[in-house]
Amino acid sequence: MSKSDEVFVGAIDQGTSSTRFLIFDVKGQIVASHQCEYQNHYAKAGWVEKDPIEILDSVETAVAGACRRFNSLGYNASQIKSVGITHQLETT
């Protein structure tokens, strides 16, 4: 199998203070990843608020960063055949 025939899966791991995008090979090994933090906002004691645009931006940044690394290894984003999402302990 040539490098261009390989297939991969991606995972968006969106946590309480950062977002990561990981690209895995068929053996479950991480091939490329990127992580970026975002802010928690404390409106008052006991409350944590998040800016949804900031979360979306962090996802886009993490995906772009991991794909740049993936491309630098000689792969193409079209080889990523599916993406899973986990968002603060909920998974799809």
N, C-alpha and C. Protein backbone atom coordinates (compact mmCIF):
# COMPACT_ATOMS: atom_id res chain seq x y z
N MET A 1 0.85 -1.18 0.00
CA MET A 1 0.00 0.00 0.00
C MET A 1 0.89 1.24 0.00
N SER A 2 0.63 2.15 -0.92
CA SER A 2 1.40 3.38 -0.96
C SER A 2 0.88 4.36 0.08
N LYS A 3 1.69 5.36 0.37
CA LYS A 3 1.33 6.36 1.36
C LYS A 3 0.00 7.04 1.00
N SER A 4 -0.24 7.25 -0.28
CA SER A 4 -1.46 7.94 -0.70
C SER A 4 -2.70 7.06 -0.59
N ASP A 5 -2.52 5.73 -0.42
CA ASP A 5 -3.65 4.82 -0.27
C ASP A 5 -4.07 4.62 1.19
N GLU A 6 -3.27 5.11 2.12
CA GLU A 6 -3.59 4.94 3.54
C GLU A 6 -4.82 5.77 3.91
N VAL A 7 -5.58 5.28 4.88
CA VAL A 7 -6.74 6.01 5.37
C VAL A 7 -6.56 6.31 6.86
N PHE A 8 -7.23 7.38 7.30
CA PHE A 8 -7.07 7.86 8.66
C PHE A 8 -8.42 8.29 9.21
N VAL A 9 -8.48 8.43 10.52
CA VAL A 9 -9.66 9.00 11.17
C VAL A 9 -9.19 10.17 12.04
N GLY A 10 -10.08 11.13 12.22
CA GLY A 10 -9.78 12.28 13.04
C GLY A 10 -10.65 12.29 14.28
N ALA A 11 -10.21 13.01 15.29
CA ALA A 11 -10.99 13.16 16.51
C ALA A 11 -10.85 14.59 17.01
N ILE A 12 -12.00 15.24 17.19
CA ILE A 12 -12.03 16.55 17.82
C ILE A 12 -12.31 16.31 19.30
N ASP A 13 -11.36 16.68 20.14
CA ASP A 13 -11.50 16.54 21.59
C ASP A 13 -11.64 17.94 22.16
N GLN A 14 -12.88 18.34 22.41
CA GLN A 14 -13.16 19.69 22.88
C GLN A 14 -13.44 19.61 24.37
N GLY A 15 -12.47 20.07 25.17
CA GLY A 15 -12.57 19.95 26.61
C GLY A 15 -12.95 21.26 27.29
N THR A 16 -12.77 21.29 28.59
CA THR A 16 -13.21 22.45 29.37
C THR A 16 -12.32 23.68 29.19
N SER A 17 -11.09 23.50 28.75
CA SER A 17 -10.22 24.66 28.58
C SER A 17 -9.39 24.62 27.30
N SER A 18 -9.50 23.54 26.52
CA SER A 18 -8.75 23.48 25.27
C SER A 18 -9.44 22.53 24.29
N THR A 19 -9.02 22.65 23.05
CA THR A 19 -9.51 21.79 21.99
C THR A 19 -8.31 21.14 21.31
N ARG A 20 -8.43 19.86 21.02
CA ARG A 20 -7.38 19.14 20.28
C ARG A 20 -8.01 18.48 19.07
N PHE A 21 -7.24 18.39 18.01
CA PHE A 21 -7.62 17.57 16.87
C PHE A 21 -6.50 16.57 16.68
N LEU A 22 -6.87 15.29 16.66
CA LEU A 22 -5.91 14.21 16.51
C LEU A 22 -6.24 13.42 15.25
N ILE A 23 -5.22 12.99 14.54
CA ILE A 23 -5.39 12.17 13.35
C ILE A 23 -4.72 10.83 13.62
N PHE A 24 -5.51 9.76 13.48
CA PHE A 24 -5.04 8.40 13.79
C PHE A 24 -4.92 7.57 12.53
N ASP A 25 -3.94 6.66 12.54
CA ASP A 25 -3.85 5.68 11.46
C ASP A 25 -4.72 4.47 11.79
N VAL A 26 -4.73 3.47 10.93
CA VAL A 26 -5.63 2.31 11.12
C VAL A 26 -5.23 1.46 12.32
N LYS A 27 -4.03 1.66 12.84
CA LYS A 27 -3.59 0.92 14.03
C LYS A 27 -3.88 1.69 15.32
N GLY A 28 -4.49 2.88 15.18
CA GLY A 28 -4.82 3.68 16.36
C GLY A 28 -3.68 4.55 16.84
N GLN A 29 -2.63 4.67 16.06
CA GLN A 29 -1.50 5.50 16.43
C GLN A 29 -1.75 6.95 15.99
N ILE A 30 -1.38 7.90 16.83
CA ILE A 30 -1.53 9.31 16.48
C ILE A 30 -0.47 9.66 15.45
N VAL A 31 -0.91 10.19 14.33
CA VAL A 31 -0.02 10.59 13.25
C VAL A 31 0.26 12.10 13.33
N ALA A 32 -0.75 12.87 13.67
CA ALA A 32 -0.60 14.32 13.78
C ALA A 32 -1.64 14.84 14.77
N SER A 33 -1.32 15.96 15.42
CA SER A 33 -2.28 16.57 16.35
C SER A 33 -1.94 18.03 16.53
N HIS A 34 -2.92 18.76 17.05
CA HIS A 34 -2.71 20.16 17.40
C HIS A 34 -3.69 20.49 18.53
N GLN A 35 -3.24 21.30 19.47
CA GLN A 35 -4.07 21.68 20.61
C GLN A 35 -4.01 23.18 20.79
N CYS A 36 -5.14 23.77 21.15
CA CYS A 36 -5.16 25.20 21.48
C CYS A 36 -6.13 25.44 22.63
N GLU A 37 -5.74 26.35 23.49
CA GLU A 37 -6.56 26.68 24.66
C GLU A 37 -7.55 27.78 24.33
N TYR A 38 -8.60 27.85 25.13
CA TYR A 38 -9.53 28.96 25.05
C TYR A 38 -9.94 29.34 26.47
N GLN A 39 -10.56 30.50 26.59
CA GLN A 39 -10.85 31.08 27.90
C GLN A 39 -12.14 30.56 28.53
N ASN A 40 -12.10 30.42 29.83
CA ASN A 40 -13.31 30.25 30.64
C ASN A 40 -13.62 31.62 31.23
N HIS A 41 -14.89 31.96 31.28
CA HIS A 41 -15.30 33.25 31.82
C HIS A 41 -16.11 32.98 33.09
N TYR A 42 -15.76 33.66 34.16
CA TYR A 42 -16.40 33.46 35.45
C TYR A 42 -17.30 34.66 35.75
N ALA A 43 -18.58 34.54 35.41
CA ALA A 43 -19.52 35.64 35.56
C ALA A 43 -19.75 35.99 37.03
N LYS A 44 -19.81 34.94 37.85
CA LYS A 44 -19.92 35.14 39.29
C LYS A 44 -19.52 33.84 39.96
N ALA A 45 -19.38 33.85 41.25
CA ALA A 45 -18.91 32.67 41.99
C ALA A 45 -19.74 31.44 41.64
N GLY A 46 -19.05 30.37 41.27
CA GLY A 46 -19.71 29.11 40.96
C GLY A 46 -20.20 28.99 39.52
N TRP A 47 -20.06 30.01 38.72
CA TRP A 47 -20.51 29.99 37.32
C TRP A 47 -19.30 29.98 36.39
N VAL A 48 -19.40 29.18 35.36
CA VAL A 48 -18.40 29.20 34.29
C VAL A 48 -19.15 29.37 32.99
N GLU A 49 -18.77 30.37 32.22
CA GLU A 49 -19.38 30.61 30.92
C GLU A 49 -18.33 30.48 29.84
N LYS A 50 -18.79 30.08 28.66
CA LYS A 50 -17.90 29.91 27.52
C LYS A 50 -18.49 30.65 26.33
N ASP A 51 -17.61 31.24 25.56
CA ASP A 51 -18.03 31.95 24.35
C ASP A 51 -18.09 30.93 23.22
N PRO A 52 -19.27 30.68 22.65
CA PRO A 52 -19.38 29.65 21.61
C PRO A 52 -18.55 29.95 20.37
N ILE A 53 -18.37 31.22 20.05
CA ILE A 53 -17.53 31.57 18.90
C ILE A 53 -16.08 31.23 19.18
N GLU A 54 -15.65 31.45 20.42
CA GLU A 54 -14.28 31.11 20.80
C GLU A 54 -14.06 29.60 20.74
N ILE A 55 -15.07 28.83 21.15
CA ILE A 55 -14.97 27.36 21.04
C ILE A 55 -14.86 26.96 19.58
N LEU A 56 -15.72 27.50 18.73
CA LEU A 56 -15.67 27.18 17.30
C LEU A 56 -14.32 27.56 16.70
N ASP A 57 -13.83 28.74 17.04
CA ASP A 57 -12.51 29.17 16.54
C ASP A 57 -11.41 28.21 16.98
N SER A 58 -11.49 27.72 18.23
CA SER A 58 -10.46 26.79 18.72
C SER A 58 -10.51 25.47 17.96
N VAL A 59 -11.71 25.02 17.59
CA VAL A 59 -11.84 23.80 16.80
C VAL A 59 -11.21 24.00 15.43
N GLU A 60 -11.55 25.12 14.79
CA GLU A 60 -11.00 25.40 13.46
C GLU A 60 -9.47 25.51 13.51
N THR A 61 -8.94 26.15 14.54
CA THR A 61 -7.49 26.30 14.69
C THR A 61 -6.82 24.95 14.91
N ALA A 62 -7.42 24.11 15.76
CA ALA A 62 -6.84 22.80 16.05
C ALA A 62 -6.85 21.92 14.80
N VAL A 63 -7.95 21.92 14.06
CA VAL A 63 -8.04 21.12 12.83
C VAL A 63 -7.01 21.60 11.82
N ALA A 64 -6.93 22.90 11.62
CA ALA A 64 -5.98 23.45 10.65
C ALA A 64 -4.54 23.11 11.04
N GLY A 65 -4.20 23.24 12.32
CA GLY A 65 -2.85 22.95 12.78
C GLY A 65 -2.47 21.49 12.59
N ALA A 66 -3.39 20.59 12.93
CA ALA A 66 -3.10 19.16 12.76
C ALA A 66 -2.99 18.80 11.28
N CYS A 67 -3.84 19.41 10.46
CA CYS A 67 -3.78 19.12 9.02
C CYS A 67 -2.49 19.65 8.39
N ARG A 68 -2.00 20.80 8.87
CA ARG A 68 -0.70 21.29 8.37
C ARG A 68 0.40 20.28 8.69
N ARG A 69 0.39 19.77 9.91
CA ARG A 69 1.39 18.76 10.30
C ARG A 69 1.22 17.50 9.46
N PHE A 70 -0.02 17.06 9.29
CA PHE A 70 -0.35 15.88 8.49
C PHE A 70 0.17 16.04 7.06
N ASN A 71 -0.08 17.22 6.47
CA ASN A 71 0.40 17.50 5.11
C ASN A 71 1.92 17.49 5.05
N SER A 72 2.58 18.01 6.09
CA SER A 72 4.04 18.05 6.10
C SER A 72 4.65 16.65 6.15
N LEU A 73 3.85 15.67 6.57
CA LEU A 73 4.31 14.28 6.60
C LEU A 73 4.04 13.57 5.27
N GLY A 74 3.48 14.30 4.31
CA GLY A 74 3.24 13.74 2.99
C GLY A 74 1.85 13.18 2.77
N TYR A 75 0.94 13.46 3.66
CA TYR A 75 -0.44 12.99 3.54
C TYR A 75 -1.34 14.14 3.07
N ASN A 76 -2.59 13.80 2.75
CA ASN A 76 -3.57 14.77 2.31
C ASN A 76 -4.81 14.64 3.18
N ALA A 77 -5.43 15.76 3.51
CA ALA A 77 -6.62 15.73 4.38
C ALA A 77 -7.74 14.86 3.81
N SER A 78 -7.77 14.66 2.50
CA SER A 78 -8.81 13.81 1.90
C SER A 78 -8.66 12.35 2.33
N GLN A 79 -7.53 12.00 2.91
CA GLN A 79 -7.32 10.64 3.41
C GLN A 79 -7.98 10.42 4.77
N ILE A 80 -8.45 11.49 5.41
CA ILE A 80 -9.18 11.37 6.67
C ILE A 80 -10.62 11.03 6.30
N LYS A 81 -11.04 9.82 6.62
CA LYS A 81 -12.32 9.31 6.13
C LYS A 81 -13.48 9.53 7.10
N SER A 82 -13.21 9.80 8.35
CA SER A 82 -14.28 10.11 9.30
C SER A 82 -13.68 10.90 10.46
N VAL A 83 -14.57 11.61 11.16
CA VAL A 83 -14.15 12.41 12.31
C VAL A 83 -15.16 12.19 13.43
N GLY A 84 -14.66 11.88 14.61
CA GLY A 84 -15.49 11.77 15.81
C GLY A 84 -15.34 13.04 16.62
N ILE A 85 -16.32 13.32 17.43
CA ILE A 85 -16.30 14.53 18.26
C ILE A 85 -16.62 14.16 19.70
N THR A 86 -15.79 14.64 20.61
CA THR A 86 -16.13 14.57 22.01
C THR A 86 -16.13 15.99 22.55
N HIS A 87 -17.23 16.38 23.17
CA HIS A 87 -17.39 17.74 23.65
C HIS A 87 -17.73 17.70 25.13
N GLN A 88 -16.74 18.00 25.95
CA GLN A 88 -16.90 18.06 27.40
C GLN A 88 -17.69 16.88 27.94
N LEU A 89 -17.21 15.69 27.63
CA LEU A 89 -17.69 14.38 28.10
C LEU A 89 -18.88 13.84 27.34
N GLU A 90 -19.31 14.47 26.26
CA GLU A 90 -20.37 13.92 25.42
C GLU A 90 -19.74 13.57 24.08
N THR A 91 -20.06 12.43 23.53
CA THR A 91 -19.40 11.94 22.33
C THR A 91 -20.39 11.66 21.21
N THR A 92 -19.99 12.02 19.98
CA THR A 92 -20.78 11.66 18.78
C THR A 92 -19.85 11.10 17.73
